[in-house]
Amino acid sequence: MLPAIPVGGGLYRMEHSPSFAYGISKQDIFNVRTTDEGVLVMNEVVEKSGNRTVRLLLTRFSLDSPEIVAIQQKASEVGCECENLLPHMITVNVPADSDLGSLTEFVIEQHVWWEVADPVSCP
């Protein structure tokens, strides 16, 4: 389930960085389709917000390990927001004006596995 709110005209806005979806980021606008069971499912992103999504995979670390605490601090310093702090994953919202390269370089130095789940900030 994606945390979104309706914005009118059958469109929805993503309210948080998605933990398990690709190609969509916080504040992106998307449309939906309805399944045969009546469930709304994201169809396509129709307007990018400029945000990007990075996920940190905590296979060797816990949320309170020094490496992860340092990454959260670095993310904050470069204007990013850590969300969805799951036991084995952190989702990071990277605004368009934040330094993605600086953040990912620091993550690599900490030997944490990561992925860019939505690298494109505009269509």
PDB file of N, CA and C in Angstrom:
ATOM      1  N   MET A   1       0.844  -1.178   0.000  1.00  0.00           N
ATOM      2  CA  MET A   1       0.000   0.000   0.000  1.00  0.00           C
ATOM      3  C   MET A   1       0.892   1.245   0.000  1.00  0.00           C
ATOM      4  N   LEU A   2       0.631   2.149  -0.899  1.00  0.00           N
ATOM      5  CA  LEU A   2       1.414   3.367  -0.993  1.00  0.00           C
ATOM      6  C   LEU A   2       0.717   4.488  -0.220  1.00  0.00           C
ATOM      7  N   PRO A   3       1.459   5.232   0.598  1.00  0.00           N
ATOM      8  CA  PRO A   3       0.864   6.330   1.368  1.00  0.00           C
ATOM      9  C   PRO A   3       0.641   7.551   0.489  1.00  0.00           C
ATOM     10  N   ALA A   4      -0.598   7.710   0.026  1.00  0.00           N
ATOM     11  CA  ALA A   4      -0.901   8.795  -0.906  1.00  0.00           C
ATOM     12  C   ALA A   4      -2.233   9.429  -0.547  1.00  0.00           C
ATOM     13  N   ILE A   5      -2.410  10.664  -1.027  1.00  0.00           N
ATOM     14  CA  ILE A   5      -3.688  11.351  -0.821  1.00  0.00           C
ATOM     15  C   ILE A   5      -4.231  11.800  -2.175  1.00  0.00           C
ATOM     16  N   PRO A   6      -5.559  11.806  -2.324  1.00  0.00           N
ATOM     17  CA  PRO A   6      -6.145  12.275  -3.582  1.00  0.00           C
ATOM     18  C   PRO A   6      -5.958  13.781  -3.734  1.00  0.00           C
ATOM     19  N   VAL A   7      -5.652  14.198  -4.961  1.00  0.00           N
ATOM     20  CA  VAL A   7      -5.479  15.627  -5.241  1.00  0.00           C
ATOM     21  C   VAL A   7      -6.478  16.123  -6.282  1.00  0.00           C
ATOM     22  N   GLY A   8      -7.407  15.256  -6.684  1.00  0.00           N
ATOM     23  CA  GLY A   8      -8.439  15.637  -7.638  1.00  0.00           C
ATOM     24  C   GLY A   8      -8.197  15.061  -9.013  1.00  0.00           C
ATOM     25  N   GLY A   9      -9.242  14.940  -9.761  1.00  0.00           N
ATOM     26  CA  GLY A   9      -9.138  14.459 -11.135  1.00  0.00           C
ATOM     27  C   GLY A   9      -8.623  13.041 -11.253  1.00  0.00           C
ATOM     28  N   GLY A  10      -8.834  12.232 -10.236  1.00  0.00           N
ATOM     29  CA  GLY A  10      -8.356  10.852 -10.264  1.00  0.00           C
ATOM     30  C   GLY A  10      -6.864  10.717 -10.026  1.00  0.00           C
ATOM     31  N   LEU A  11      -6.244  11.797  -9.553  1.00  0.00           N
ATOM     32  CA  LEU A  11      -4.805  11.790  -9.297  1.00  0.00           C
ATOM     33  C   LEU A  11      -4.520  11.726  -7.793  1.00  0.00           C
ATOM     34  N   TYR A  12      -3.338  11.216  -7.466  1.00  0.00           N
ATOM     35  CA  TYR A  12      -2.906  11.080  -6.076  1.00  0.00           C
ATOM     36  C   TYR A  12      -1.481  11.599  -5.934  1.00  0.00           C
ATOM     37  N   ARG A  13      -1.146  12.072  -4.720  1.00  0.00           N
ATOM     38  CA  ARG A  13       0.212  12.540  -4.419  1.00  0.00           C
ATOM     39  C   ARG A  13       0.815  11.622  -3.369  1.00  0.00           C
ATOM     40  N   MET A  14       2.030  11.151  -3.667  1.00  0.00           N
ATOM     41  CA  MET A  14       2.763  10.295  -2.741  1.00  0.00           C
ATOM     42  C   MET A  14       3.175  11.142  -1.539  1.00  0.00           C
ATOM     43  N   GLU A  15       2.846  10.690  -0.341  1.00  0.00           N
ATOM     44  CA  GLU A  15       3.105  11.461   0.868  1.00  0.00           C
ATOM     45  C   GLU A  15       4.424  11.118   1.557  1.00  0.00           C
ATOM     46  N   HIS A  16       5.000   9.971   1.267  1.00  0.00           N
ATOM     47  CA  HIS A  16       6.276   9.560   1.863  1.00  0.00           C
ATOM     48  C   HIS A  16       7.123   8.899   0.791  1.00  0.00           C
ATOM     49  N   SER A  17       8.381   8.722   1.081  1.00  0.00           N
ATOM     50  CA  SER A  17       9.223   7.964   0.161  1.00  0.00           C
ATOM     51  C   SER A  17       8.810   6.502   0.234  1.00  0.00           C
ATOM     52  N   PRO A  18       8.468   5.897  -0.896  1.00  0.00           N
ATOM     53  CA  PRO A  18       8.000   4.508  -0.866  1.00  0.00           C
ATOM     54  C   PRO A  18       9.134   3.528  -0.572  1.00  0.00           C
ATOM     55  N   SER A  19       8.849   2.577   0.296  1.00  0.00           N
ATOM     56  CA  SER A  19       9.862   1.590   0.672  1.00  0.00           C
ATOM     57  C   SER A  19      10.036   0.493  -0.373  1.00  0.00           C
ATOM     58  N   PHE A  20       8.982   0.171  -1.106  1.00  0.00           N
ATOM     59  CA  PHE A  20       9.062  -0.995  -1.982  1.00  0.00           C
ATOM     60  C   PHE A  20       8.585  -0.739  -3.404  1.00  0.00           C
ATOM     61  N   ALA A  21       8.625   0.505  -3.854  1.00  0.00           N
ATOM     62  CA  ALA A  21       8.215   0.814  -5.221  1.00  0.00           C
ATOM     63  C   ALA A  21       9.378   1.489  -5.951  1.00  0.00           C
ATOM     64  N   TYR A  22       9.436   1.313  -7.244  1.00  0.00           N
ATOM     65  CA  TYR A  22      10.459   1.933  -8.071  1.00  0.00           C
ATOM     66  C   TYR A  22       9.823   2.974  -8.977  1.00  0.00           C
ATOM     67  N   GLY A  23      10.594   4.005  -9.320  1.00  0.00           N
ATOM     68  CA  GLY A  23      10.143   4.994 -10.290  1.00  0.00           C
ATOM     69  C   GLY A  23       9.185   6.039  -9.753  1.00  0.00           C
ATOM     70  N   ILE A  24       9.017   6.105  -8.441  1.00  0.00           N
ATOM     71  CA  ILE A  24       8.138   7.102  -7.832  1.00  0.00           C
ATOM     72  C   ILE A  24       8.792   7.576  -6.539  1.00  0.00           C
ATOM     73  N   SER A  25       8.631   8.860  -6.243  1.00  0.00           N
ATOM     74  CA  SER A  25       9.224   9.451  -5.042  1.00  0.00           C
ATOM     75  C   SER A  25       8.203  10.301  -4.307  1.00  0.00           C
ATOM     76  N   LYS A  26       8.595  10.742  -3.143  1.00  0.00           N
ATOM     77  CA  LYS A  26       7.742  11.588  -2.314  1.00  0.00           C
ATOM     78  C   LYS A  26       7.264  12.803  -3.115  1.00  0.00           C
ATOM     79  N   GLN A  27       5.978  13.110  -3.027  1.00  0.00           N
ATOM     80  CA  GLN A  27       5.293  14.239  -3.642  1.00  0.00           C
ATOM     81  C   GLN A  27       5.079  14.103  -5.153  1.00  0.00           C
ATOM     82  N   ASP A  28       5.452  12.977  -5.748  1.00  0.00           N
ATOM     83  CA  ASP A  28       5.113  12.738  -7.152  1.00  0.00           C
ATOM     84  C   ASP A  28       3.596  12.573  -7.259  1.00  0.00           C
ATOM     85  N   ILE A  29       3.050  12.978  -8.404  1.00  0.00           N
ATOM     86  CA  ILE A  29       1.627  12.834  -8.689  1.00  0.00           C
ATOM     87  C   ILE A  29       1.457  11.647  -9.646  1.00  0.00           C
ATOM     88  N   PHE A  30       0.491  10.782  -9.334  1.00  0.00           N
ATOM     89  CA  PHE A  30       0.270   9.606 -10.169  1.00  0.00           C
ATOM     90  C   PHE A  30      -1.219   9.325 -10.328  1.00  0.00           C
ATOM     91  N   ASN A  31      -1.538   8.566 -11.379  1.00  0.00           N
ATOM     92  CA  ASN A  31      -2.917   8.120 -11.546  1.00  0.00           C
ATOM     93  C   ASN A  31      -3.009   6.652 -11.166  1.00  0.00           C
ATOM     94  N   VAL A  32      -4.222   6.178 -11.048  1.00  0.00           N
ATOM     95  CA  VAL A  32      -4.437   4.798 -10.603  1.00  0.00           C
ATOM     96  C   VAL A  32      -5.360   4.079 -11.566  1.00  0.00           C
ATOM     97  N   ARG A  33      -5.384   2.785 -11.431  1.00  0.00           N
ATOM     98  CA  ARG A  33      -6.365   1.951 -12.113  1.00  0.00           C
ATOM     99  C   ARG A  33      -7.021   1.099 -11.030  1.00  0.00           C
ATOM    100  N   THR A  34      -8.195   0.600 -11.307  1.00  0.00           N
ATOM    101  CA  THR A  34      -8.926  -0.227 -10.354  1.00  0.00           C
ATOM    102  C   THR A  34      -8.882  -1.671 -10.821  1.00  0.00           C
ATOM    103  N   THR A  35      -8.503  -2.571  -9.927  1.00  0.00           N
ATOM    104  CA  THR A  35      -8.475  -3.996 -10.261  1.00  0.00           C
ATOM    105  C   THR A  35      -9.894  -4.544 -10.278  1.00  0.00           C
ATOM    106  N   ASP A  36     -10.046  -5.765 -10.756  1.00  0.00           N
ATOM    107  CA  ASP A  36     -11.355  -6.422 -10.769  1.00  0.00           C
ATOM    108  C   ASP A  36     -11.931  -6.554  -9.364  1.00  0.00           C
ATOM    109  N   GLU A  37     -11.042  -6.558  -8.356  1.00  0.00           N
ATOM    110  CA  GLU A  37     -11.472  -6.668  -6.960  1.00  0.00           C
ATOM    111  C   GLU A  37     -11.796  -5.302  -6.352  1.00  0.00           C
ATOM    112  N   GLY A  38     -11.681  -4.234  -7.134  1.00  0.00           N
ATOM    113  CA  GLY A  38     -11.989  -2.900  -6.647  1.00  0.00           C
ATOM    114  C   GLY A  38     -10.854  -2.220  -5.902  1.00  0.00           C
ATOM    115  N   VAL A  39      -9.639  -2.744  -6.022  1.00  0.00           N
ATOM    116  CA  VAL A  39      -8.475  -2.174  -5.354  1.00  0.00           C
ATOM    117  C   VAL A  39      -7.811  -1.158  -6.282  1.00  0.00           C
ATOM    118  N   LEU A  40      -7.478   0.020  -5.724  1.00  0.00           N
ATOM    119  CA  LEU A  40      -6.751   1.022  -6.506  1.00  0.00           C
ATOM    120  C   LEU A  40      -5.279   0.653  -6.569  1.00  0.00           C
ATOM    121  N   VAL A  41      -4.717   0.695  -7.764  1.00  0.00           N
ATOM    122  CA  VAL A  41      -3.316   0.349  -7.988  1.00  0.00           C
ATOM    123  C   VAL A  41      -2.669   1.491  -8.771  1.00  0.00           C
ATOM    124  N   MET A  42      -1.457   1.883  -8.349  1.00  0.00           N
ATOM    125  CA  MET A  42      -0.750   2.930  -9.076  1.00  0.00           C
ATOM    126  C   MET A  42      -0.578   2.508 -10.529  1.00  0.00           C
ATOM    127  N   ASN A  43      -0.915   3.424 -11.434  1.00  0.00           N
ATOM    128  CA  ASN A  43      -0.798   3.141 -12.854  1.00  0.00           C
ATOM    129  C   ASN A  43       0.467   3.765 -13.435  1.00  0.00           C
ATOM    130  N   GLU A  44       0.570   5.108 -13.336  1.00  0.00           N
ATOM    131  CA  GLU A  44       1.768   5.773 -13.845  1.00  0.00           C
ATOM    132  C   GLU A  44       1.955   7.130 -13.168  1.00  0.00           C
ATOM    133  N   VAL A  45       3.206   7.546 -13.087  1.00  0.00           N
ATOM    134  CA  VAL A  45       3.528   8.872 -12.568  1.00  0.00           C
ATOM    135  C   VAL A  45       3.252   9.871 -13.680  1.00  0.00           C
ATOM    136  N   VAL A  46       2.490  10.913 -13.352  1.00  0.00           N
ATOM    137  CA  VAL A  46       2.145  11.910 -14.369  1.00  0.00           C
ATOM    138  C   VAL A  46       2.859  13.239 -14.119  1.00  0.00           C
ATOM    139  N   GLU A  47       3.395  13.428 -12.918  1.00  0.00           N
ATOM    140  CA  GLU A  47       4.143  14.645 -12.613  1.00  0.00           C
ATOM    141  C   GLU A  47       5.193  14.346 -11.549  1.00  0.00           C
ATOM    142  N   LYS A  48       6.458  14.567 -11.904  1.00  0.00           N
ATOM    143  CA  LYS A  48       7.547  14.342 -10.951  1.00  0.00           C
ATOM    144  C   LYS A  48       7.700  15.570 -10.061  1.00  0.00           C
ATOM    145  N   SER A  49       8.005  15.326  -8.804  1.00  0.00           N
ATOM    146  CA  SER A  49       8.160  16.405  -7.826  1.00  0.00           C
ATOM    147  C   SER A  49       9.562  16.994  -7.823  1.00  0.00           C
ATOM    148  N   GLY A  50      10.516  16.251  -8.337  1.00  0.00           N
ATOM    149  CA  GLY A  50      11.919  16.646  -8.229  1.00  0.00           C
ATOM    150  C   GLY A  50      12.652  15.837  -7.175  1.00  0.00           C
ATOM    151  N   ASN A  51      11.901  15.150  -6.326  1.00  0.00           N
ATOM    152  CA  ASN A  51      12.518  14.299  -5.311  1.00  0.00           C
ATOM    153  C   ASN A  51      13.003  12.998  -5.929  1.00  0.00           C
ATOM    154  N   ARG A  52      14.011  12.410  -5.295  1.00  0.00           N
ATOM    155  CA  ARG A  52      14.514  11.097  -5.690  1.00  0.00           C
ATOM    156  C   ARG A  52      14.507  10.204  -4.461  1.00  0.00           C
ATOM    157  N   THR A  53      14.490   8.889  -4.671  1.00  0.00           N
ATOM    158  CA  THR A  53      14.425   7.937  -3.569  1.00  0.00           C
ATOM    159  C   THR A  53      15.660   7.052  -3.565  1.00  0.00           C
ATOM    160  N   VAL A  54      16.293   6.977  -2.397  1.00  0.00           N
ATOM    161  CA  VAL A  54      17.430   6.080  -2.179  1.00  0.00           C
ATOM    162  C   VAL A  54      17.057   5.158  -1.031  1.00  0.00           C
ATOM    163  N   ARG A  55      17.426   3.883  -1.157  1.00  0.00           N
ATOM    164  CA  ARG A  55      17.192   2.942  -0.068  1.00  0.00           C
ATOM    165  C   ARG A  55      18.517   2.361   0.407  1.00  0.00           C
ATOM    166  N   LEU A  56      18.664   2.307   1.721  1.00  0.00           N
ATOM    167  CA  LEU A  56      19.830   1.695   2.342  1.00  0.00           C
ATOM    168  C   LEU A  56      19.417   0.323   2.854  1.00  0.00           C
ATOM    169  N   LEU A  57      20.159  -0.691   2.476  1.00  0.00           N
ATOM    170  CA  LEU A  57      19.849  -2.054   2.886  1.00  0.00           C
ATOM    171  C   LEU A  57      20.778  -2.427   4.041  1.00  0.00           C
ATOM    172  N   LEU A  58      20.207  -2.653   5.198  1.00  0.00           N
ATOM    173  CA  LEU A  58      20.992  -2.856   6.414  1.00  0.00           C
ATOM    174  C   LEU A  58      21.230  -4.339   6.667  1.00  0.00           C
ATOM    175  N   THR A  59      21.993  -4.961   5.813  1.00  0.00           N
ATOM    176  CA  THR A  59      22.247  -6.393   5.961  1.00  0.00           C
ATOM    177  C   THR A  59      23.258  -6.688   7.067  1.00  0.00           C
ATOM    178  N   ARG A  60      24.184  -5.770   7.300  1.00  0.00           N
ATOM    179  CA  ARG A  60      25.226  -5.973   8.312  1.00  0.00           C
ATOM    180  C   ARG A  60      25.125  -4.983   9.462  1.00  0.00           C
ATOM    181  N   PHE A  61      24.130  -4.125   9.454  1.00  0.00           N
ATOM    182  CA  PHE A  61      24.056  -3.048  10.430  1.00  0.00           C
ATOM    183  C   PHE A  61      22.666  -2.979  11.044  1.00  0.00           C
ATOM    184  N   SER A  62      22.586  -2.343  12.198  1.00  0.00           N
ATOM    185  CA  SER A  62      21.286  -2.056  12.804  1.00  0.00           C
ATOM    186  C   SER A  62      21.060  -0.551  12.720  1.00  0.00           C
ATOM    187  N   LEU A  63      19.847  -0.118  13.020  1.00  0.00           N
ATOM    188  CA  LEU A  63      19.523   1.304  12.937  1.00  0.00           C
ATOM    189  C   LEU A  63      20.368   2.159  13.864  1.00  0.00           C
ATOM    190  N   ASP A  64      20.843   1.571  14.964  1.00  0.00           N
ATOM    191  CA  ASP A  64      21.629   2.354  15.926  1.00  0.00           C
ATOM    192  C   ASP A  64      23.133   2.140  15.799  1.00  0.00           C
ATOM    193  N   SER A  65      23.578   1.443  14.755  1.00  0.00           N
ATOM    194  CA  SER A  65      25.023   1.260  14.569  1.00  0.00           C
ATOM    195  C   SER A  65      25.669   2.592  14.181  1.00  0.00           C
ATOM    196  N   PRO A  66      26.942   2.795  14.536  1.00  0.00           N
ATOM    197  CA  PRO A  66      27.608   4.078  14.251  1.00  0.00           C
ATOM    198  C   PRO A  66      27.581   4.457  12.767  1.00  0.00           C
ATOM    199  N   GLU A  67      27.699   3.477  11.880  1.00  0.00           N
ATOM    200  CA  GLU A  67      27.705   3.757  10.445  1.00  0.00           C
ATOM    201  C   GLU A  67      26.362   4.321   9.990  1.00  0.00           C
ATOM    202  N   ILE A  68      25.286   3.742  10.501  1.00  0.00           N
ATOM    203  CA  ILE A  68      23.953   4.172  10.081  1.00  0.00           C
ATOM    204  C   ILE A  68      23.599   5.519  10.703  1.00  0.00           C
ATOM    205  N   VAL A  69      23.985   5.709  11.957  1.00  0.00           N
ATOM    206  CA  VAL A  69      23.764   7.014  12.596  1.00  0.00           C
ATOM    207  C   VAL A  69      24.519   8.096  11.825  1.00  0.00           C
ATOM    208  N   ALA A  70      25.755   7.798  11.404  1.00  0.00           N
ATOM    209  CA  ALA A  70      26.546   8.766  10.630  1.00  0.00           C
ATOM    210  C   ALA A  70      25.889   9.065   9.283  1.00  0.00           C
ATOM    211  N   ILE A  71      25.338   8.042   8.641  1.00  0.00           N
ATOM    212  CA  ILE A  71      24.664   8.248   7.356  1.00  0.00           C
ATOM    213  C   ILE A  71      23.418   9.111   7.538  1.00  0.00           C
ATOM    214  N   GLN A  72      22.659   8.861   8.587  1.00  0.00           N
ATOM    215  CA  GLN A  72      21.472   9.676   8.836  1.00  0.00           C
ATOM    216  C   GLN A  72      21.862  11.135   9.078  1.00  0.00           C
ATOM    217  N   GLN A  73      22.960  11.345   9.772  1.00  0.00           N
ATOM    218  CA  GLN A  73      23.434  12.710  10.017  1.00  0.00           C
ATOM    219  C   GLN A  73      23.878  13.359   8.703  1.00  0.00           C
ATOM    220  N   LYS A  74      24.624  12.620   7.885  1.00  0.00           N
ATOM    221  CA  LYS A  74      25.072  13.145   6.589  1.00  0.00           C
ATOM    222  C   LYS A  74      23.867  13.475   5.699  1.00  0.00           C
ATOM    223  N   ALA A  75      22.867  12.594   5.702  1.00  0.00           N
ATOM    224  CA  ALA A  75      21.668  12.834   4.902  1.00  0.00           C
ATOM    225  C   ALA A  75      21.015  14.145   5.319  1.00  0.00           C
ATOM    226  N   SER A  76      20.907  14.361   6.601  1.00  0.00           N
ATOM    227  CA  SER A  76      20.318  15.600   7.113  1.00  0.00           C
ATOM    228  C   SER A  76      21.153  16.810   6.708  1.00  0.00           C
ATOM    229  N   GLU A  77      22.465  16.680   6.771  1.00  0.00           N
ATOM    230  CA  GLU A  77      23.373  17.786   6.419  1.00  0.00           C
ATOM    231  C   GLU A  77      23.223  18.215   4.962  1.00  0.00           C
ATOM    232  N   VAL A  78      22.953  17.258   4.059  1.00  0.00           N
ATOM    233  CA  VAL A  78      22.838  17.596   2.635  1.00  0.00           C
ATOM    234  C   VAL A  78      21.384  17.827   2.224  1.00  0.00           C
ATOM    235  N   GLY A  79      20.484  17.938   3.214  1.00  0.00           N
ATOM    236  CA  GLY A  79      19.096  18.289   2.937  1.00  0.00           C
ATOM    237  C   GLY A  79      18.166  17.135   2.634  1.00  0.00           C
ATOM    238  N   CYS A  80      18.595  15.932   2.973  1.00  0.00           N
ATOM    239  CA  CYS A  80      17.756  14.750   2.733  1.00  0.00           C
ATOM    240  C   CYS A  80      17.003  14.372   4.004  1.00  0.00           C
ATOM    241  N   GLU A  81      15.984  13.555   3.835  1.00  0.00           N
ATOM    242  CA  GLU A  81      15.146  13.134   4.951  1.00  0.00           C
ATOM    243  C   GLU A  81      15.067  11.610   4.981  1.00  0.00           C
ATOM    244  N   CYS A  82      15.482  11.021   6.104  1.00  0.00           N
ATOM    245  CA  CYS A  82      15.359   9.569   6.272  1.00  0.00           C
ATOM    246  C   CYS A  82      13.950   9.254   6.739  1.00  0.00           C
ATOM    247  N   GLU A  83      13.331   8.311   6.060  1.00  0.00           N
ATOM    248  CA  GLU A  83      11.961   7.903   6.365  1.00  0.00           C
ATOM    249  C   GLU A  83      11.903   6.383   6.437  1.00  0.00           C
ATOM    250  N   ASN A  84      10.762   5.898   6.869  1.00  0.00           N
ATOM    251  CA  ASN A  84      10.511   4.452   6.837  1.00  0.00           C
ATOM    252  C   ASN A  84      11.682   3.667   7.399  1.00  0.00           C
ATOM    253  N   LEU A  85      12.005   3.932   8.642  1.00  0.00           N
ATOM    254  CA  LEU A  85      13.118   3.268   9.291  1.00  0.00           C
ATOM    255  C   LEU A  85      12.698   1.851   9.680  1.00  0.00           C
ATOM    256  N   LEU A  86      12.851   0.944   8.748  1.00  0.00           N
ATOM    257  CA  LEU A  86      12.506  -0.452   8.964  1.00  0.00           C
ATOM    258  C   LEU A  86      13.724  -1.173   9.546  1.00  0.00           C
ATOM    259  N   PRO A  87      13.545  -2.335  10.163  1.00  0.00           N
ATOM    260  CA  PRO A  87      14.683  -3.024  10.782  1.00  0.00           C
ATOM    261  C   PRO A  87      15.866  -3.278   9.831  1.00  0.00           C
ATOM    262  N   HIS A  88      15.582  -3.496   8.551  1.00  0.00           N
ATOM    263  CA  HIS A  88      16.666  -3.803   7.613  1.00  0.00           C
ATOM    264  C   HIS A  88      16.737  -2.867   6.426  1.00  0.00           C
ATOM    265  N   MET A  89      16.057  -1.713   6.520  1.00  0.00           N
ATOM    266  CA  MET A  89      16.089  -0.768   5.401  1.00  0.00           C
ATOM    267  C   MET A  89      15.713   0.624   5.881  1.00  0.00           C
ATOM    268  N   ILE A  90      16.366   1.616   5.286  1.00  0.00           N
ATOM    269  CA  ILE A  90      16.005   3.012   5.484  1.00  0.00           C
ATOM    270  C   ILE A  90      15.718   3.587   4.108  1.00  0.00           C
ATOM    271  N   THR A  91      14.610   4.300   3.987  1.00  0.00           N
ATOM    272  CA  THR A  91      14.282   4.986   2.746  1.00  0.00           C
ATOM    273  C   THR A  91      14.624   6.460   2.923  1.00  0.00           C
ATOM    274  N   VAL A  92      15.346   7.018   1.948  1.00  0.00           N
ATOM    275  CA  VAL A  92      15.808   8.396   2.036  1.00  0.00           C
ATOM    276  C   VAL A  92      15.177   9.205   0.907  1.00  0.00           C
ATOM    277  N   ASN A  93      14.530  10.316   1.274  1.00  0.00           N
ATOM    278  CA  ASN A  93      14.025  11.252   0.285  1.00  0.00           C
ATOM    279  C   ASN A  93      15.133  12.256  -0.020  1.00  0.00           C
ATOM    280  N   VAL A  94      15.477  12.365  -1.304  1.00  0.00           N
ATOM    281  CA  VAL A  94      16.532  13.278  -1.752  1.00  0.00           C
ATOM    282  C   VAL A  94      15.890  14.369  -2.604  1.00  0.00           C
ATOM    283  N   PRO A  95      15.672  15.568  -2.037  1.00  0.00           N
ATOM    284  CA  PRO A  95      15.103  16.666  -2.836  1.00  0.00           C
ATOM    285  C   PRO A  95      16.019  17.029  -4.008  1.00  0.00           C
ATOM    286  N   ALA A  96      15.431  17.656  -5.011  1.00  0.00           N
ATOM    287  CA  ALA A  96      16.182  18.007  -6.224  1.00  0.00           C
ATOM    288  C   ALA A  96      17.404  18.860  -5.931  1.00  0.00           C
ATOM    289  N   ASP A  97      17.333  19.716  -4.924  1.00  0.00           N
ATOM    290  CA  ASP A  97      18.469  20.600  -4.628  1.00  0.00           C
ATOM    291  C   ASP A  97      19.454  19.996  -3.626  1.00  0.00           C
ATOM    292  N   SER A  98      19.264  18.721  -3.255  1.00  0.00           N
ATOM    293  CA  SER A  98      20.197  18.042  -2.355  1.00  0.00           C
ATOM    294  C   SER A  98      21.272  17.335  -3.168  1.00  0.00           C
ATOM    295  N   ASP A  99      22.421  17.154  -2.556  1.00  0.00           N
ATOM    296  CA  ASP A  99      23.576  16.565  -3.227  1.00  0.00           C
ATOM    297  C   ASP A  99      23.546  15.039  -3.130  1.00  0.00           C
ATOM    298  N   LEU A 100      22.913  14.401  -4.113  1.00  0.00           N
ATOM    299  CA  LEU A 100      22.812  12.949  -4.152  1.00  0.00           C
ATOM    300  C   LEU A 100      24.194  12.305  -4.204  1.00  0.00           C
ATOM    301  N   GLY A 101      25.091  12.861  -4.984  1.00  0.00           N
ATOM    302  CA  GLY A 101      26.431  12.304  -5.122  1.00  0.00           C
ATOM    303  C   GLY A 101      27.198  12.290  -3.814  1.00  0.00           C
ATOM    304  N   SER A 102      27.110  13.372  -3.068  1.00  0.00           N
ATOM    305  CA  SER A 102      27.786  13.456  -1.771  1.00  0.00           C
ATOM    306  C   SER A 102      27.229  12.420  -0.810  1.00  0.00           C
ATOM    307  N   LEU A 103      25.911  12.251  -0.811  1.00  0.00           N
ATOM    308  CA  LEU A 103      25.291  11.269   0.080  1.00  0.00           C
ATOM    309  C   LEU A 103      25.705   9.848  -0.296  1.00  0.00           C
ATOM    310  N   THR A 104      25.584   9.505  -1.573  1.00  0.00           N
ATOM    311  CA  THR A 104      25.902   8.126  -1.966  1.00  0.00           C
ATOM    312  C   THR A 104      27.384   7.824  -1.802  1.00  0.00           C
ATOM    313  N   GLU A 105      28.245   8.795  -2.020  1.00  0.00           N
ATOM    314  CA  GLU A 105      29.683   8.597  -1.784  1.00  0.00           C
ATOM    315  C   GLU A 105      29.935   8.269  -0.309  1.00  0.00           C
ATOM    316  N   PHE A 106      29.262   8.981   0.588  1.00  0.00           N
ATOM    317  CA  PHE A 106      29.416   8.739   2.019  1.00  0.00           C
ATOM    318  C   PHE A 106      28.878   7.358   2.399  1.00  0.00           C
ATOM    319  N   VAL A 107      27.748   6.976   1.811  1.00  0.00           N
ATOM    320  CA  VAL A 107      27.171   5.652   2.079  1.00  0.00           C
ATOM    321  C   VAL A 107      28.146   4.560   1.651  1.00  0.00           C
ATOM    322  N   ILE A 108      28.747   4.724   0.493  1.00  0.00           N
ATOM    323  CA  ILE A 108      29.729   3.755  -0.001  1.00  0.00           C
ATOM    324  C   ILE A 108      30.908   3.653   0.965  1.00  0.00           C
ATOM    325  N   GLU A 109      31.390   4.784   1.465  1.00  0.00           N
ATOM    326  CA  GLU A 109      32.506   4.785   2.421  1.00  0.00           C
ATOM    327  C   GLU A 109      32.164   4.030   3.703  1.00  0.00           C
ATOM    328  N   GLN A 110      30.874   3.983   4.055  1.00  0.00           N
ATOM    329  CA  GLN A 110      30.435   3.269   5.261  1.00  0.00           C
ATOM    330  C   GLN A 110      30.207   1.777   4.994  1.00  0.00           C
ATOM    331  N   HIS A 111      30.382   1.367   3.757  1.00  0.00           N
ATOM    332  CA  HIS A 111      30.213  -0.037   3.344  1.00  0.00           C
ATOM    333  C   HIS A 111      28.783  -0.538   3.559  1.00  0.00           C
ATOM    334  N   VAL A 112      27.817   0.341   3.283  1.00  0.00           N
ATOM    335  CA  VAL A 112      26.408  -0.005   3.398  1.00  0.00           C
ATOM    336  C   VAL A 112      25.860  -0.230   1.995  1.00  0.00           C
ATOM    337  N   TRP A 113      25.090  -1.283   1.820  1.00  0.00           N
ATOM    338  CA  TRP A 113      24.460  -1.543   0.533  1.00  0.00           C
ATOM    339  C   TRP A 113      23.350  -0.541   0.323  1.00  0.00           C
ATOM    340  N   TRP A 114      23.201  -0.069  -0.915  1.00  0.00           N
ATOM    341  CA  TRP A 114      22.204   0.946  -1.212  1.00  0.00           C
ATOM    342  C   TRP A 114      21.754   0.810  -2.655  1.00  0.00           C
ATOM    343  N   GLU A 115      20.644   1.458  -2.964  1.00  0.00           N
ATOM    344  CA  GLU A 115      20.160   1.525  -4.334  1.00  0.00           C
ATOM    345  C   GLU A 115      19.413   2.835  -4.529  1.00  0.00           C
ATOM    346  N   VAL A 116      19.450   3.320  -5.755  1.00  0.00           N
ATOM    347  CA  VAL A 116      18.644   4.478  -6.108  1.00  0.00           C
ATOM    348  C   VAL A 116      17.385   3.911  -6.755  1.00  0.00           C
ATOM    349  N   ALA A 117      16.277   4.052  -6.032  1.00  0.00           N
ATOM    350  CA  ALA A 117      15.010   3.463  -6.485  1.00  0.00           C
ATOM    351  C   ALA A 117      14.263   4.373  -7.451  1.00  0.00           C
ATOM    352  N   ASP A 118      14.585   5.641  -7.442  1.00  0.00           N
ATOM    353  CA  ASP A 118      13.960   6.588  -8.362  1.00  0.00           C
ATOM    354  C   ASP A 118      14.955   7.710  -8.645  1.00  0.00           C
ATOM    355  N   PRO A 119      15.873   7.485  -9.590  1.00  0.00           N
ATOM    356  CA  PRO A 119      16.925   8.479  -9.839  1.00  0.00           C
ATOM    357  C   PRO A 119      16.487   9.691 -10.643  1.00  0.00           C
ATOM    358  N   VAL A 120      15.339   9.626 -11.289  1.00  0.00           N
ATOM    359  CA  VAL A 120      14.922  10.687 -12.197  1.00  0.00           C
ATOM    360  C   VAL A 120      14.052  11.688 -11.449  1.00  0.00           C
ATOM    361  N   SER A 121      14.510  12.948 -11.442  1.00  0.00           N
ATOM    362  CA  SER A 121      13.767  13.969 -10.702  1.00  0.00           C
ATOM    363  C   SER A 121      12.751  14.701 -11.576  1.00  0.00           C
ATOM    364  N   CYS A 122      12.868  14.603 -12.891  1.00  0.00           N
ATOM    365  CA  CYS A 122      11.889  15.244 -13.763  1.00  0.00           C
ATOM    366  C   CYS A 122      11.667  14.366 -14.983  1.00  0.00           C
ATOM    367  N   PRO A 123      10.505  14.526 -15.617  1.00  0.00           N
ATOM    368  CA  PRO A 123      10.162  13.685 -16.786  1.00  0.00           C
ATOM    369  C   PRO A 123      11.061  13.943 -17.971  1.00  0.00           C
TER     370      PRO A 123
END
